Amino acid sequence: MHDVTETQLTSIFEEVGPVVSFRLVFDKDTGKPKGFGFCSYQDAETAASAVRNLNNREVNGRMLRIDFADTDKDEGRNEDA
């Protein structure tokens, strides 16, 4: 999402429940956003609600694509949507 801030997106993700963390991914060479990010919730139910309720939502003329992130099984685990 090139024209939306982390704060704006966090507010959208908070509509389904408390957000543990949210970050956009930036290109390390240009410093510009790559157009995706990661949101963590406290539990799987809230993450699933985000996938159900926020996927394909329009934000500033672009559609959000919400899905579960691949996680490493050895990491400490919060639920990511």
PDB file of N, CA and C in Angstrom:
ATOM      1  N   MET A   1       0.857  -1.164   0.000  1.00  0.00           N
ATOM      2  CA  MET A   1       0.000   0.000   0.000  1.00  0.00           C
ATOM      3  C   MET A   1       0.902   1.224   0.000  1.00  0.00           C
ATOM      4  N   HIS A   2       1.084   1.791  -1.158  1.00  0.00           N
ATOM      5  CA  HIS A   2       2.061   2.852  -1.317  1.00  0.00           C
ATOM      6  C   HIS A   2       1.583   4.192  -0.776  1.00  0.00           C
ATOM      7  N   ASP A   3       0.292   4.388  -0.625  1.00  0.00           N
ATOM      8  CA  ASP A   3      -0.207   5.687  -0.192  1.00  0.00           C
ATOM      9  C   ASP A   3      -0.972   5.616   1.136  1.00  0.00           C
ATOM     10  N   VAL A   4      -0.701   4.598   1.920  1.00  0.00           N
ATOM     11  CA  VAL A   4      -1.366   4.414   3.202  1.00  0.00           C
ATOM     12  C   VAL A   4      -0.290   4.219   4.263  1.00  0.00           C
ATOM     13  N   THR A   5      -0.479   4.849   5.421  1.00  0.00           N
ATOM     14  CA  THR A   5       0.516   4.739   6.481  1.00  0.00           C
ATOM     15  C   THR A   5       0.277   3.508   7.351  1.00  0.00           C
ATOM     16  N   GLU A   6       1.301   3.121   8.115  1.00  0.00           N
ATOM     17  CA  GLU A   6       1.146   2.024   9.074  1.00  0.00           C
ATOM     18  C   GLU A   6       0.044   2.350  10.071  1.00  0.00           C
ATOM     19  N   THR A   7      -0.035   3.592  10.495  1.00  0.00           N
ATOM     20  CA  THR A   7      -1.066   3.996  11.458  1.00  0.00           C
ATOM     21  C   THR A   7      -2.464   3.810  10.873  1.00  0.00           C
ATOM     22  N   GLN A   8      -2.653   4.200   9.620  1.00  0.00           N
ATOM     23  CA  GLN A   8      -3.959   4.035   8.978  1.00  0.00           C
ATOM     24  C   GLN A   8      -4.327   2.558   8.847  1.00  0.00           C
ATOM     25  N   LEU A   9      -3.370   1.744   8.431  1.00  0.00           N
ATOM     26  CA  LEU A   9      -3.647   0.318   8.280  1.00  0.00           C
ATOM     27  C   LEU A   9      -3.879  -0.349   9.632  1.00  0.00           C
ATOM     28  N   THR A  10      -3.120   0.049  10.632  1.00  0.00           N
ATOM     29  CA  THR A  10      -3.327  -0.514  11.974  1.00  0.00           C
ATOM     30  C   THR A  10      -4.752  -0.231  12.437  1.00  0.00           C
ATOM     31  N   SER A  11      -5.240   0.970  12.189  1.00  0.00           N
ATOM     32  CA  SER A  11      -6.626   1.310  12.567  1.00  0.00           C
ATOM     33  C   SER A  11      -7.629   0.396  11.885  1.00  0.00           C
ATOM     34  N   ILE A  12      -7.388   0.078  10.617  1.00  0.00           N
ATOM     35  CA  ILE A  12      -8.284  -0.830   9.893  1.00  0.00           C
ATOM     36  C   ILE A  12      -8.220  -2.226  10.512  1.00  0.00           C
ATOM     37  N   PHE A  13      -7.016  -2.714  10.767  1.00  0.00           N
ATOM     38  CA  PHE A  13      -6.862  -4.052  11.344  1.00  0.00           C
ATOM     39  C   PHE A  13      -7.430  -4.133  12.760  1.00  0.00           C
ATOM     40  N   GLU A  14      -7.439  -3.034  13.492  1.00  0.00           N
ATOM     41  CA  GLU A  14      -7.996  -3.019  14.851  1.00  0.00           C
ATOM     42  C   GLU A  14      -9.518  -3.147  14.855  1.00  0.00           C
ATOM     43  N   GLU A  15     -10.156  -3.009  13.710  1.00  0.00           N
ATOM     44  CA  GLU A  15     -11.607  -3.166  13.641  1.00  0.00           C
ATOM     45  C   GLU A  15     -12.035  -4.575  14.019  1.00  0.00           C
ATOM     46  N   VAL A  16     -11.159  -5.567  13.847  1.00  0.00           N
ATOM     47  CA  VAL A  16     -11.519  -6.947  14.186  1.00  0.00           C
ATOM     48  C   VAL A  16     -10.965  -7.385  15.541  1.00  0.00           C
ATOM     49  N   GLY A  17     -10.068  -6.597  16.127  1.00  0.00           N
ATOM     50  CA  GLY A  17      -9.513  -6.941  17.431  1.00  0.00           C
ATOM     51  C   GLY A  17      -8.196  -6.229  17.677  1.00  0.00           C
ATOM     52  N   PRO A  18      -7.694  -6.318  18.910  1.00  0.00           N
ATOM     53  CA  PRO A  18      -6.444  -5.636  19.252  1.00  0.00           C
ATOM     54  C   PRO A  18      -5.266  -6.153  18.422  1.00  0.00           C
ATOM     55  N   VAL A  19      -4.490  -5.227  17.889  1.00  0.00           N
ATOM     56  CA  VAL A  19      -3.305  -5.555  17.099  1.00  0.00           C
ATOM     57  C   VAL A  19      -2.098  -5.614  18.028  1.00  0.00           C
ATOM     58  N   VAL A  20      -1.367  -6.736  18.003  1.00  0.00           N
ATOM     59  CA  VAL A  20      -0.153  -6.887  18.800  1.00  0.00           C
ATOM     60  C   VAL A  20       0.989  -6.118  18.139  1.00  0.00           C
ATOM     61  N   SER A  21       1.117  -6.257  16.814  1.00  0.00           N
ATOM     62  CA  SER A  21       2.130  -5.514  16.074  1.00  0.00           C
ATOM     63  C   SER A  21       1.714  -5.414  14.616  1.00  0.00           C
ATOM     64  N   PHE A  22       2.209  -4.372  13.962  1.00  0.00           N
ATOM     65  CA  PHE A  22       1.970  -4.190  12.547  1.00  0.00           C
ATOM     66  C   PHE A  22       3.194  -3.510  11.954  1.00  0.00           C
ATOM     67  N   ARG A  23       3.626  -3.994  10.790  1.00  0.00           N
ATOM     68  CA  ARG A  23       4.730  -3.322  10.096  1.00  0.00           C
ATOM     69  C   ARG A  23       4.585  -3.480   8.593  1.00  0.00           C
ATOM     70  N   LEU A  24       4.876  -2.400   7.897  1.00  0.00           N
ATOM     71  CA  LEU A  24       4.970  -2.436   6.453  1.00  0.00           C
ATOM     72  C   LEU A  24       6.386  -2.833   6.078  1.00  0.00           C
ATOM     73  N   VAL A  25       6.550  -3.438   4.914  1.00  0.00           N
ATOM     74  CA  VAL A  25       7.863  -3.843   4.429  1.00  0.00           C
ATOM     75  C   VAL A  25       8.326  -2.807   3.400  1.00  0.00           C
ATOM     76  N   PHE A  26       9.565  -2.328   3.589  1.00  0.00           N
ATOM     77  CA  PHE A  26      10.136  -1.308   2.719  1.00  0.00           C
ATOM     78  C   PHE A  26      11.320  -1.869   1.945  1.00  0.00           C
ATOM     79  N   ASP A  27      11.511  -1.372   0.729  1.00  0.00           N
ATOM     80  CA  ASP A  27      12.667  -1.732  -0.078  1.00  0.00           C
ATOM     81  C   ASP A  27      13.904  -1.114   0.568  1.00  0.00           C
ATOM     82  N   LYS A  28      14.911  -1.929   0.841  1.00  0.00           N
ATOM     83  CA  LYS A  28      16.082  -1.413   1.554  1.00  0.00           C
ATOM     84  C   LYS A  28      16.922  -0.468   0.711  1.00  0.00           C
ATOM     85  N   ASP A  29      16.812  -0.554  -0.613  1.00  0.00           N
ATOM     86  CA  ASP A  29      17.589   0.333  -1.480  1.00  0.00           C
ATOM     87  C   ASP A  29      16.905   1.680  -1.703  1.00  0.00           C
ATOM     88  N   THR A  30      15.605   1.645  -1.938  1.00  0.00           N
ATOM     89  CA  THR A  30      14.883   2.890  -2.260  1.00  0.00           C
ATOM     90  C   THR A  30      14.178   3.503  -1.052  1.00  0.00           C
ATOM     91  N   GLY A  31      13.920   2.683  -0.016  1.00  0.00           N
ATOM     92  CA  GLY A  31      13.176   3.173   1.141  1.00  0.00           C
ATOM     93  C   GLY A  31      11.685   3.279   0.899  1.00  0.00           C
ATOM     94  N   LYS A  32      11.231   2.845  -0.274  1.00  0.00           N
ATOM     95  CA  LYS A  32       9.798   2.909  -0.595  1.00  0.00           C
ATOM     96  C   LYS A  32       9.110   1.629  -0.147  1.00  0.00           C
ATOM     97  N   PRO A  33       7.827   1.743   0.229  1.00  0.00           N
ATOM     98  CA  PRO A  33       7.089   0.544   0.637  1.00  0.00           C
ATOM     99  C   PRO A  33       6.959  -0.447  -0.512  1.00  0.00           C
ATOM    100  N   LYS A  34       7.027  -1.734  -0.173  1.00  0.00           N
ATOM    101  CA  LYS A  34       6.898  -2.783  -1.193  1.00  0.00           C
ATOM    102  C   LYS A  34       5.439  -3.127  -1.481  1.00  0.00           C
ATOM    103  N   GLY A  35       4.525  -2.611  -0.686  1.00  0.00           N
ATOM    104  CA  GLY A  35       3.113  -2.857  -0.941  1.00  0.00           C
ATOM    105  C   GLY A  35       2.517  -3.971  -0.109  1.00  0.00           C
ATOM    106  N   PHE A  36       3.253  -4.441   0.914  1.00  0.00           N
ATOM    107  CA  PHE A  36       2.697  -5.446   1.812  1.00  0.00           C
ATOM    108  C   PHE A  36       3.257  -5.251   3.213  1.00  0.00           C
ATOM    109  N   GLY A  37       2.636  -5.915   4.157  1.00  0.00           N
ATOM    110  CA  GLY A  37       3.060  -5.809   5.549  1.00  0.00           C
ATOM    111  C   GLY A  37       2.578  -7.003   6.339  1.00  0.00           C
ATOM    112  N   PHE A  38       2.821  -6.946   7.641  1.00  0.00           N
ATOM    113  CA  PHE A  38       2.475  -8.039   8.538  1.00  0.00           C
ATOM    114  C   PHE A  38       1.753  -7.497   9.760  1.00  0.00           C
ATOM    115  N   CYS A  39       0.666  -8.158  10.123  1.00  0.00           N
ATOM    116  CA  CYS A  39      -0.122  -7.792  11.290  1.00  0.00           C
ATOM    117  C   CYS A  39      -0.209  -9.012  12.199  1.00  0.00           C
ATOM    118  N   SER A  40       0.055  -8.808  13.487  1.00  0.00           N
ATOM    119  CA  SER A  40      -0.053  -9.908  14.454  1.00  0.00           C
ATOM    120  C   SER A  40      -1.171  -9.628  15.446  1.00  0.00           C
ATOM    121  N   TYR A  41      -1.945 -10.668  15.714  1.00  0.00           N
ATOM    122  CA  TYR A  41      -3.000 -10.625  16.719  1.00  0.00           C
ATOM    123  C   TYR A  41      -2.640 -11.595  17.843  1.00  0.00           C
ATOM    124  N   GLN A  42      -3.351 -11.490  18.967  1.00  0.00           N
ATOM    125  CA  GLN A  42      -3.070 -12.346  20.114  1.00  0.00           C
ATOM    126  C   GLN A  42      -3.507 -13.782  19.920  1.00  0.00           C
ATOM    127  N   ASP A  43      -4.497 -14.004  19.067  1.00  0.00           N
ATOM    128  CA  ASP A  43      -5.011 -15.366  18.937  1.00  0.00           C
ATOM    129  C   ASP A  43      -5.457 -15.660  17.511  1.00  0.00           C
ATOM    130  N   ALA A  44      -5.585 -16.941  17.236  1.00  0.00           N
ATOM    131  CA  ALA A  44      -5.943 -17.405  15.894  1.00  0.00           C
ATOM    132  C   ALA A  44      -7.347 -16.966  15.491  1.00  0.00           C
ATOM    133  N   GLU A  45      -8.263 -16.871  16.443  1.00  0.00           N
ATOM    134  CA  GLU A  45      -9.636 -16.492  16.115  1.00  0.00           C
ATOM    135  C   GLU A  45      -9.693 -15.067  15.568  1.00  0.00           C
ATOM    136  N   THR A  46      -8.939 -14.155  16.178  1.00  0.00           N
ATOM    137  CA  THR A  46      -8.926 -12.775  15.714  1.00  0.00           C
ATOM    138  C   THR A  46      -8.256 -12.683  14.352  1.00  0.00           C
ATOM    139  N   ALA A  47      -7.161 -13.416  14.174  1.00  0.00           N
ATOM    140  CA  ALA A  47      -6.481 -13.433  12.875  1.00  0.00           C
ATOM    141  C   ALA A  47      -7.416 -13.961  11.791  1.00  0.00           C
ATOM    142  N   ALA A  48      -8.154 -15.018  12.092  1.00  0.00           N
ATOM    143  CA  ALA A  48      -9.101 -15.584  11.121  1.00  0.00           C
ATOM    144  C   ALA A  48     -10.212 -14.584  10.812  1.00  0.00           C
ATOM    145  N   SER A  49     -10.638 -13.824  11.819  1.00  0.00           N
ATOM    146  CA  SER A  49     -11.655 -12.800  11.602  1.00  0.00           C
ATOM    147  C   SER A  49     -11.129 -11.719  10.668  1.00  0.00           C
ATOM    148  N   ALA A  50      -9.855 -11.356  10.803  1.00  0.00           N
ATOM    149  CA  ALA A  50      -9.260 -10.360   9.900  1.00  0.00           C
ATOM    150  C   ALA A  50      -9.257 -10.874   8.469  1.00  0.00           C
ATOM    151  N   VAL A  51      -8.896 -12.136   8.281  1.00  0.00           N
ATOM    152  CA  VAL A  51      -8.883 -12.714   6.940  1.00  0.00           C
ATOM    153  C   VAL A  51     -10.296 -12.690   6.355  1.00  0.00           C
ATOM    154  N   ARG A  52     -11.282 -13.097   7.145  1.00  0.00           N
ATOM    155  CA  ARG A  52     -12.678 -13.140   6.671  1.00  0.00           C
ATOM    156  C   ARG A  52     -13.238 -11.755   6.381  1.00  0.00           C
ATOM    157  N   ASN A  53     -12.970 -10.806   7.274  1.00  0.00           N
ATOM    158  CA  ASN A  53     -13.663  -9.523   7.214  1.00  0.00           C
ATOM    159  C   ASN A  53     -12.909  -8.399   6.504  1.00  0.00           C
ATOM    160  N   LEU A  54     -11.607  -8.530   6.356  1.00  0.00           N
ATOM    161  CA  LEU A  54     -10.837  -7.445   5.751  1.00  0.00           C
ATOM    162  C   LEU A  54     -10.286  -7.774   4.367  1.00  0.00           C
ATOM    163  N   ASN A  55     -10.285  -9.046   3.992  1.00  0.00           N
ATOM    164  CA  ASN A  55      -9.796  -9.417   2.667  1.00  0.00           C
ATOM    165  C   ASN A  55     -10.677  -8.783   1.597  1.00  0.00           C
ATOM    166  N   ASN A  56     -10.043  -8.235   0.570  1.00  0.00           N
ATOM    167  CA  ASN A  56     -10.726  -7.569  -0.552  1.00  0.00           C
ATOM    168  C   ASN A  56     -11.425  -6.273  -0.168  1.00  0.00           C
ATOM    169  N   ARG A  57     -11.041  -5.692   0.953  1.00  0.00           N
ATOM    170  CA  ARG A  57     -11.576  -4.388   1.334  1.00  0.00           C
ATOM    171  C   ARG A  57     -10.820  -3.299   0.570  1.00  0.00           C
ATOM    172  N   GLU A  58     -11.537  -2.332   0.071  1.00  0.00           N
ATOM    173  CA  GLU A  58     -10.905  -1.246  -0.671  1.00  0.00           C
ATOM    174  C   GLU A  58     -10.368  -0.189   0.283  1.00  0.00           C
ATOM    175  N   VAL A  59      -9.113   0.191   0.064  1.00  0.00           N
ATOM    176  CA  VAL A  59      -8.470   1.256   0.835  1.00  0.00           C
ATOM    177  C   VAL A  59      -7.746   2.157  -0.158  1.00  0.00           C
ATOM    178  N   ASN A  60      -8.169   3.411  -0.228  1.00  0.00           N
ATOM    179  CA  ASN A  60      -7.563   4.385  -1.150  1.00  0.00           C
ATOM    180  C   ASN A  60      -7.483   3.852  -2.581  1.00  0.00           C
ATOM    181  N   GLY A  61      -8.538   3.206  -3.033  1.00  0.00           N
ATOM    182  CA  GLY A  61      -8.606   2.746  -4.412  1.00  0.00           C
ATOM    183  C   GLY A  61      -7.920   1.425  -4.694  1.00  0.00           C
ATOM    184  N   ARG A  62      -7.343   0.797  -3.669  1.00  0.00           N
ATOM    185  CA  ARG A  62      -6.685  -0.505  -3.854  1.00  0.00           C
ATOM    186  C   ARG A  62      -7.332  -1.517  -2.924  1.00  0.00           C
ATOM    187  N   MET A  63      -7.308  -2.768  -3.354  1.00  0.00           N
ATOM    188  CA  MET A  63      -7.917  -3.828  -2.557  1.00  0.00           C
ATOM    189  C   MET A  63      -6.880  -4.449  -1.618  1.00  0.00           C
ATOM    190  N   LEU A  64      -7.257  -4.591  -0.343  1.00  0.00           N
ATOM    191  CA  LEU A  64      -6.399  -5.314   0.596  1.00  0.00           C
ATOM    192  C   LEU A  64      -6.467  -6.802   0.282  1.00  0.00           C
ATOM    193  N   ARG A  65      -5.358  -7.471   0.352  1.00  0.00           N
ATOM    194  CA  ARG A  65      -5.328  -8.928   0.254  1.00  0.00           C
ATOM    195  C   ARG A  65      -4.816  -9.433   1.588  1.00  0.00           C
ATOM    196  N   ILE A  66      -5.685 -10.080   2.343  1.00  0.00           N
ATOM    197  CA  ILE A  66      -5.359 -10.536   3.685  1.00  0.00           C
ATOM    198  C   ILE A  66      -5.297 -12.054   3.684  1.00  0.00           C
ATOM    199  N   ASP A  67      -4.210 -12.581   4.210  1.00  0.00           N
ATOM    200  CA  ASP A  67      -4.038 -14.029   4.311  1.00  0.00           C
ATOM    201  C   ASP A  67      -3.115 -14.319   5.480  1.00  0.00           C
ATOM    202  N   PHE A  68      -3.040 -15.578   5.875  1.00  0.00           N
ATOM    203  CA  PHE A  68      -2.127 -15.963   6.944  1.00  0.00           C
ATOM    204  C   PHE A  68      -0.706 -15.995   6.406  1.00  0.00           C
ATOM    205  N   ALA A  69       0.228 -15.510   7.201  1.00  0.00           N
ATOM    206  CA  ALA A  69       1.643 -15.530   6.814  1.00  0.00           C
ATOM    207  C   ALA A  69       2.220 -16.899   7.129  1.00  0.00           C
ATOM    208  N   ASP A  70       3.206 -17.310   6.320  1.00  0.00           N
ATOM    209  CA  ASP A  70       3.962 -18.516   6.648  1.00  0.00           C
ATOM    210  C   ASP A  70       4.826 -18.193   7.856  1.00  0.00           C
ATOM    211  N   THR A  71       4.857 -19.088   8.837  1.00  0.00           N
ATOM    212  CA  THR A  71       5.670 -18.850  10.034  1.00  0.00           C
ATOM    213  C   THR A  71       6.629 -19.999  10.244  1.00  0.00           C
ATOM    214  N   ASP A  72       7.718 -19.712  10.905  1.00  0.00           N
ATOM    215  CA  ASP A  72       8.702 -20.731  11.259  1.00  0.00           C
ATOM    216  C   ASP A  72       8.202 -21.417  12.524  1.00  0.00           C
ATOM    217  N   LYS A  73       8.138 -22.727  12.519  1.00  0.00           N
ATOM    218  CA  LYS A  73       7.596 -23.463  13.662  1.00  0.00           C
ATOM    219  C   LYS A  73       8.436 -23.298  14.921  1.00  0.00           C
ATOM    220  N   ASP A  74       9.718 -22.924  14.781  1.00  0.00           N
ATOM    221  CA  ASP A  74      10.580 -22.764  15.947  1.00  0.00           C
ATOM    222  C   ASP A  74      10.468 -21.384  16.576  1.00  0.00           C
ATOM    223  N   GLU A  75       9.836 -20.435  15.905  1.00  0.00           N
ATOM    224  CA  GLU A  75       9.712 -19.095  16.453  1.00  0.00           C
ATOM    225  C   GLU A  75       8.658 -19.067  17.545  1.00  0.00           C
ATOM    226  N   GLY A  76       8.777 -18.056  18.446  1.00  0.00           N
ATOM    227  CA  GLY A  76       7.668 -17.787  19.346  1.00  0.00           C
ATOM    228  C   GLY A  76       6.511 -17.393  18.470  1.00  0.00           C
ATOM    229  N   ARG A  77       5.295 -17.735  18.805  1.00  0.00           N
ATOM    230  CA  ARG A  77       4.229 -17.625  17.831  1.00  0.00           C
ATOM    231  C   ARG A  77       3.106 -16.715  18.295  1.00  0.00           C
ATOM    232  N   ASN A  78       2.940 -15.611  17.628  1.00  0.00           N
ATOM    233  CA  ASN A  78       1.714 -14.832  17.658  1.00  0.00           C
ATOM    234  C   ASN A  78       1.005 -15.183  16.371  1.00  0.00           C
ATOM    235  N   GLU A  79      -0.262 -14.915  16.294  1.00  0.00           N
ATOM    236  CA  GLU A  79      -1.020 -15.236  15.093  1.00  0.00           C
ATOM    237  C   GLU A  79      -0.906 -14.080  14.113  1.00  0.00           C
ATOM    238  N   ASP A  80      -0.430 -14.338  12.917  1.00  0.00           N
ATOM    239  CA  ASP A  80      -0.270 -13.309  11.891  1.00  0.00           C
ATOM    240  C   ASP A  80      -1.356 -13.449  10.839  1.00  0.00           C
ATOM    241  N   ALA A  81      -1.907 -12.317  10.473  1.00  0.00           N
ATOM    242  CA  ALA A  81      -2.861 -12.284   9.366  1.00  0.00           C
ATOM    243  C   ALA A  81      -2.325 -11.361   8.314  1.00  0.00           C
TER     244      ALA A  81
END
